[in-house]
Amino acid sequence: YLSAGLTITKHNNTVYLSAGLTTTQHINTVYLSTGLTIAQHINTVYLSTGLTIAQHVDTVYLSAGLTIAQHINTVYLSAGLTITKHNNTVYLSAGLTTTQHINTVYL
């Protein structure tokens, strides 16, 4: 959940959250600024806490049993919400939109 007014900017391979946290991607490993790492090996993503996210075809399975299925440009959450991307605008199934301008995503 992001509070109102937060922004997420992307520069090169680094994603900056307006709170000051950064996530950097190097090859197949995503490093969180808190020191946690997400390592990707083949189709499984290992969280440093020991949880795993397994990817099979276009579906990402969370160890909690939730699934996030990606089909074309639409991401389906197991709760039934959908996030569709059209051009530079991301549409949430609730009707909210997030627009992307250059490398900044505005909520």
N, C-alpha and C. Protein backbone atom coordinates (compact mmCIF):
# COMPACT_ATOMS: atom_id res chain seq x y z
N TYR A 1 0.85 -1.19 0.00
CA TYR A 1 0.00 0.00 0.00
C TYR A 1 0.89 1.24 0.00
N LEU A 2 0.68 2.11 -0.95
CA LEU A 2 1.41 3.36 -0.99
C LEU A 2 0.49 4.46 -0.49
N SER A 3 1.03 5.33 0.33
CA SER A 3 0.22 6.45 0.78
C SER A 3 0.17 7.50 -0.32
N ALA A 4 -0.79 8.36 -0.26
CA ALA A 4 -0.98 9.36 -1.30
C ALA A 4 0.24 10.25 -1.39
N GLY A 5 0.68 10.49 -2.61
CA GLY A 5 1.75 11.44 -2.84
C GLY A 5 3.11 10.80 -3.01
N LEU A 6 3.24 9.52 -2.74
CA LEU A 6 4.52 8.87 -2.96
C LEU A 6 4.75 8.66 -4.44
N THR A 7 6.00 8.73 -4.85
CA THR A 7 6.34 8.48 -6.24
C THR A 7 7.41 7.40 -6.33
N ILE A 8 7.41 6.71 -7.46
CA ILE A 8 8.43 5.70 -7.73
C ILE A 8 9.12 6.11 -9.02
N THR A 9 10.40 6.44 -8.95
CA THR A 9 11.13 6.85 -10.14
C THR A 9 12.16 5.78 -10.50
N LYS A 10 12.35 5.59 -11.80
CA LYS A 10 13.32 4.60 -12.28
C LYS A 10 14.41 5.32 -13.04
N HIS A 11 15.65 5.04 -12.68
CA HIS A 11 16.79 5.62 -13.37
C HIS A 11 17.78 4.49 -13.62
N ASN A 12 18.08 4.23 -14.89
CA ASN A 12 18.92 3.10 -15.26
C ASN A 12 18.30 1.84 -14.69
N ASN A 13 18.99 1.11 -13.84
CA ASN A 13 18.46 -0.13 -13.29
C ASN A 13 18.09 0.01 -11.82
N THR A 14 17.94 1.25 -11.38
CA THR A 14 17.62 1.49 -9.98
C THR A 14 16.24 2.11 -9.86
N VAL A 15 15.42 1.56 -8.97
CA VAL A 15 14.10 2.11 -8.70
C VAL A 15 14.16 2.83 -7.37
N TYR A 16 13.79 4.11 -7.39
CA TYR A 16 13.84 4.93 -6.19
C TYR A 16 12.43 5.16 -5.67
N LEU A 17 12.19 4.84 -4.42
CA LEU A 17 10.93 5.18 -3.78
C LEU A 17 11.09 6.55 -3.15
N SER A 18 10.02 7.32 -3.14
CA SER A 18 10.12 8.68 -2.62
C SER A 18 10.48 8.70 -1.14
N ALA A 19 10.29 7.57 -0.48
CA ALA A 19 10.68 7.51 0.93
C ALA A 19 12.19 7.43 1.08
N GLY A 20 12.90 7.23 -0.03
CA GLY A 20 14.35 7.18 0.00
C GLY A 20 14.91 5.80 -0.16
N LEU A 21 14.07 4.78 -0.12
CA LEU A 21 14.56 3.42 -0.32
C LEU A 21 14.85 3.20 -1.79
N THR A 22 15.83 2.35 -2.07
CA THR A 22 16.15 2.04 -3.45
C THR A 22 16.22 0.53 -3.62
N THR A 23 15.90 0.07 -4.82
CA THR A 23 16.14 -1.33 -5.17
C THR A 23 16.98 -1.31 -6.43
N THR A 24 18.11 -2.01 -6.42
CA THR A 24 18.98 -2.08 -7.59
C THR A 24 18.95 -3.49 -8.16
N GLN A 25 19.00 -3.58 -9.47
CA GLN A 25 18.99 -4.87 -10.14
C GLN A 25 20.34 -5.09 -10.81
N HIS A 26 20.96 -6.20 -10.50
CA HIS A 26 22.23 -6.56 -11.12
C HIS A 26 22.09 -7.99 -11.61
N ILE A 27 22.15 -8.17 -12.91
CA ILE A 27 21.95 -9.48 -13.52
C ILE A 27 20.60 -10.02 -13.05
N ASN A 28 20.58 -11.09 -12.28
CA ASN A 28 19.30 -11.70 -11.90
C ASN A 28 19.00 -11.51 -10.42
N THR A 29 19.73 -10.63 -9.77
CA THR A 29 19.51 -10.43 -8.33
C THR A 29 19.03 -9.01 -8.09
N VAL A 30 17.97 -8.87 -7.30
CA VAL A 30 17.47 -7.56 -6.92
C VAL A 30 17.86 -7.31 -5.48
N TYR A 31 18.57 -6.23 -5.26
CA TYR A 31 19.03 -5.87 -3.92
C TYR A 31 18.14 -4.77 -3.36
N LEU A 32 17.55 -5.01 -2.21
CA LEU A 32 16.78 -3.97 -1.56
C LEU A 32 17.70 -3.16 -0.67
N SER A 33 17.40 -1.87 -0.54
CA SER A 33 18.30 -1.00 0.21
C SER A 33 18.36 -1.38 1.68
N THR A 34 17.40 -2.18 2.13
CA THR A 34 17.44 -2.61 3.52
C THR A 34 18.42 -3.75 3.72
N GLY A 35 18.98 -4.25 2.63
CA GLY A 35 19.95 -5.33 2.72
C GLY A 35 19.37 -6.67 2.32
N LEU A 36 18.06 -6.77 2.17
CA LEU A 36 17.46 -8.02 1.71
C LEU A 36 17.77 -8.22 0.24
N THR A 37 17.87 -9.45 -0.16
CA THR A 37 18.12 -9.73 -1.56
C THR A 37 17.05 -10.67 -2.09
N ILE A 38 16.77 -10.52 -3.38
CA ILE A 38 15.88 -11.43 -4.08
C ILE A 38 16.69 -12.02 -5.22
N ALA A 39 17.06 -13.30 -5.08
CA ALA A 39 17.88 -13.96 -6.09
C ALA A 39 16.99 -14.79 -7.00
N GLN A 40 17.21 -14.66 -8.30
CA GLN A 40 16.44 -15.44 -9.27
C GLN A 40 17.34 -16.52 -9.84
N HIS A 41 16.89 -17.75 -9.72
CA HIS A 41 17.64 -18.89 -10.27
C HIS A 41 16.66 -19.70 -11.09
N ILE A 42 16.93 -19.79 -12.38
CA ILE A 42 16.00 -20.45 -13.30
C ILE A 42 14.65 -19.77 -13.17
N ASN A 43 13.62 -20.47 -12.71
CA ASN A 43 12.30 -19.86 -12.64
C ASN A 43 11.83 -19.65 -11.22
N THR A 44 12.73 -19.71 -10.26
CA THR A 44 12.35 -19.55 -8.87
C THR A 44 13.03 -18.32 -8.29
N VAL A 45 12.28 -17.50 -7.60
CA VAL A 45 12.82 -16.32 -6.95
C VAL A 45 12.88 -16.60 -5.45
N TYR A 46 14.06 -16.50 -4.90
CA TYR A 46 14.27 -16.77 -3.48
C TYR A 46 14.37 -15.46 -2.72
N LEU A 47 13.54 -15.30 -1.71
CA LEU A 47 13.65 -14.13 -0.85
C LEU A 47 14.61 -14.45 0.27
N SER A 48 15.36 -13.44 0.72
CA SER A 48 16.38 -13.68 1.74
C SER A 48 15.78 -14.13 3.05
N THR A 49 14.49 -13.93 3.21
CA THR A 49 13.84 -14.40 4.44
C THR A 49 13.53 -15.88 4.36
N GLY A 50 13.75 -16.48 3.21
CA GLY A 50 13.51 -17.90 3.05
C GLY A 50 12.24 -18.21 2.28
N LEU A 51 11.38 -17.23 2.08
CA LEU A 51 10.20 -17.45 1.26
C LEU A 51 10.61 -17.59 -0.19
N THR A 52 9.83 -18.31 -0.95
CA THR A 52 10.15 -18.49 -2.36
C THR A 52 8.98 -18.04 -3.20
N ILE A 53 9.29 -17.52 -4.37
CA ILE A 53 8.29 -17.19 -5.38
C ILE A 53 8.66 -17.99 -6.62
N ALA A 54 7.84 -19.00 -6.93
CA ALA A 54 8.13 -19.85 -8.08
C ALA A 54 7.37 -19.36 -9.30
N GLN A 55 8.06 -19.26 -10.41
CA GLN A 55 7.43 -18.83 -11.65
C GLN A 55 7.31 -20.03 -12.57
N HIS A 56 6.11 -20.29 -13.01
CA HIS A 56 5.86 -21.39 -13.95
C HIS A 56 5.08 -20.81 -15.11
N VAL A 57 5.67 -20.87 -16.28
CA VAL A 57 5.09 -20.26 -17.46
C VAL A 57 4.86 -18.78 -17.16
N ASP A 58 3.64 -18.31 -17.17
CA ASP A 58 3.38 -16.89 -16.95
C ASP A 58 2.73 -16.62 -15.61
N THR A 59 2.80 -17.58 -14.70
CA THR A 59 2.18 -17.42 -13.39
C THR A 59 3.24 -17.41 -12.32
N VAL A 60 3.17 -16.44 -11.42
CA VAL A 60 4.09 -16.37 -10.29
C VAL A 60 3.34 -16.82 -9.05
N TYR A 61 3.87 -17.84 -8.40
CA TYR A 61 3.24 -18.38 -7.21
C TYR A 61 3.97 -17.87 -5.97
N LEU A 62 3.23 -17.25 -5.06
CA LEU A 62 3.82 -16.83 -3.80
C LEU A 62 3.72 -17.98 -2.82
N SER A 63 4.70 -18.07 -1.92
CA SER A 63 4.74 -19.20 -1.00
C SER A 63 3.54 -19.23 -0.09
N ALA A 64 2.85 -18.09 0.01
CA ALA A 64 1.64 -18.07 0.83
C ALA A 64 0.47 -18.70 0.11
N GLY A 65 0.65 -19.01 -1.16
CA GLY A 65 -0.39 -19.65 -1.94
C GLY A 65 -1.10 -18.69 -2.87
N LEU A 66 -0.85 -17.40 -2.75
CA LEU A 66 -1.42 -16.44 -3.68
C LEU A 66 -0.73 -16.57 -5.02
N THR A 67 -1.45 -16.25 -6.07
CA THR A 67 -0.86 -16.30 -7.40
C THR A 67 -1.03 -14.96 -8.09
N ILE A 68 -0.05 -14.65 -8.91
CA ILE A 68 -0.13 -13.47 -9.78
C ILE A 68 0.10 -13.98 -11.20
N ALA A 69 -0.94 -13.98 -12.01
CA ALA A 69 -0.83 -14.48 -13.37
C ALA A 69 -0.67 -13.32 -14.34
N GLN A 70 0.28 -13.43 -15.24
CA GLN A 70 0.49 -12.40 -16.24
C GLN A 70 0.08 -12.94 -17.60
N HIS A 71 -0.80 -12.22 -18.26
CA HIS A 71 -1.25 -12.59 -19.60
C HIS A 71 -1.17 -11.35 -20.45
N ILE A 72 -0.33 -11.38 -21.46
CA ILE A 72 -0.11 -10.23 -22.32
C ILE A 72 0.28 -9.04 -21.43
N ASN A 73 -0.53 -8.00 -21.37
CA ASN A 73 -0.18 -6.81 -20.60
C ASN A 73 -1.04 -6.66 -19.36
N THR A 74 -1.70 -7.75 -18.96
CA THR A 74 -2.57 -7.68 -17.80
C THR A 74 -2.04 -8.58 -16.71
N VAL A 75 -1.96 -8.04 -15.50
CA VAL A 75 -1.55 -8.82 -14.34
C VAL A 75 -2.78 -9.09 -13.50
N TYR A 76 -3.05 -10.37 -13.26
CA TYR A 76 -4.22 -10.76 -12.49
C TYR A 76 -3.80 -11.13 -11.08
N LEU A 77 -4.41 -10.49 -10.10
CA LEU A 77 -4.15 -10.84 -8.72
C LEU A 77 -5.15 -11.89 -8.30
N SER A 78 -4.73 -12.79 -7.39
CA SER A 78 -5.59 -13.90 -7.01
C SER A 78 -6.86 -13.41 -6.33
N ALA A 79 -6.86 -12.19 -5.85
CA ALA A 79 -8.07 -11.65 -5.24
C ALA A 79 -9.10 -11.27 -6.29
N GLY A 80 -8.69 -11.29 -7.55
CA GLY A 80 -9.60 -10.98 -8.63
C GLY A 80 -9.39 -9.60 -9.21
N LEU A 81 -8.57 -8.78 -8.57
CA LEU A 81 -8.27 -7.47 -9.12
C LEU A 81 -7.35 -7.63 -10.32
N THR A 82 -7.44 -6.73 -11.24
CA THR A 82 -6.57 -6.76 -12.41
C THR A 82 -5.86 -5.43 -12.56
N ILE A 83 -4.66 -5.51 -13.10
CA ILE A 83 -3.88 -4.32 -13.42
C ILE A 83 -3.54 -4.40 -14.91
N THR A 84 -4.11 -3.54 -15.72
CA THR A 84 -3.84 -3.56 -17.14
C THR A 84 -3.00 -2.35 -17.53
N LYS A 85 -2.09 -2.55 -18.47
CA LYS A 85 -1.24 -1.47 -18.94
C LYS A 85 -1.58 -1.18 -20.40
N HIS A 86 -1.87 0.07 -20.67
CA HIS A 86 -2.16 0.51 -22.03
C HIS A 86 -1.35 1.77 -22.27
N ASN A 87 -0.49 1.75 -23.28
CA ASN A 87 0.42 2.86 -23.52
C ASN A 87 1.24 3.10 -22.24
N ASN A 88 1.15 4.28 -21.68
CA ASN A 88 1.93 4.57 -20.48
C ASN A 88 1.04 4.70 -19.25
N THR A 89 -0.19 4.18 -19.36
CA THR A 89 -1.12 4.29 -18.25
C THR A 89 -1.44 2.91 -17.72
N VAL A 90 -1.39 2.76 -16.41
CA VAL A 90 -1.74 1.50 -15.76
C VAL A 90 -3.12 1.66 -15.14
N TYR A 91 -4.03 0.77 -15.52
CA TYR A 91 -5.40 0.84 -15.04
C TYR A 91 -5.63 -0.24 -13.99
N LEU A 92 -6.13 0.16 -12.83
CA LEU A 92 -6.51 -0.80 -11.80
C LEU A 92 -7.97 -1.15 -12.01
N SER A 93 -8.35 -2.39 -11.66
CA SER A 93 -9.72 -2.81 -11.92
C SER A 93 -10.72 -2.01 -11.10
N ALA A 94 -10.26 -1.35 -10.07
CA ALA A 94 -11.16 -0.51 -9.28
C ALA A 94 -11.49 0.79 -10.00
N GLY A 95 -10.79 1.04 -11.11
CA GLY A 95 -11.04 2.24 -11.88
C GLY A 95 -9.99 3.31 -11.65
N LEU A 96 -9.13 3.13 -10.67
CA LEU A 96 -8.04 4.07 -10.47
C LEU A 96 -7.00 3.89 -11.56
N THR A 97 -6.30 4.97 -11.86
CA THR A 97 -5.25 4.89 -12.88
C THR A 97 -3.95 5.42 -12.31
N THR A 98 -2.84 4.88 -12.78
CA THR A 98 -1.53 5.46 -12.49
C THR A 98 -0.90 5.78 -13.84
N THR A 99 -0.44 7.00 -14.00
CA THR A 99 0.16 7.42 -15.26
C THR A 99 1.67 7.48 -15.11
N GLN A 100 2.35 7.10 -16.19
CA GLN A 100 3.80 7.13 -16.20
C GLN A 100 4.26 8.22 -17.14
N HIS A 101 5.06 9.13 -16.65
CA HIS A 101 5.60 10.20 -17.46
C HIS A 101 7.11 10.11 -17.37
N ILE A 102 7.77 9.84 -18.50
CA ILE A 102 9.21 9.62 -18.52
C ILE A 102 9.50 8.44 -17.59
N ASN A 103 10.22 8.64 -16.53
CA ASN A 103 10.60 7.53 -15.67
C ASN A 103 9.95 7.60 -14.29
N THR A 104 8.88 8.40 -14.19
CA THR A 104 8.22 8.56 -12.90
C THR A 104 6.80 8.02 -12.99
N VAL A 105 6.42 7.23 -12.01
CA VAL A 105 5.05 6.73 -11.94
C VAL A 105 4.30 7.53 -10.88
N TYR A 106 3.22 8.17 -11.31
CA TYR A 106 2.42 8.99 -10.41
C TYR A 106 1.17 8.23 -10.01
N LEU A 107 0.90 8.15 -8.70
CA LEU A 107 -0.33 7.54 -8.24
C LEU A 107 -1.39 8.62 -8.15
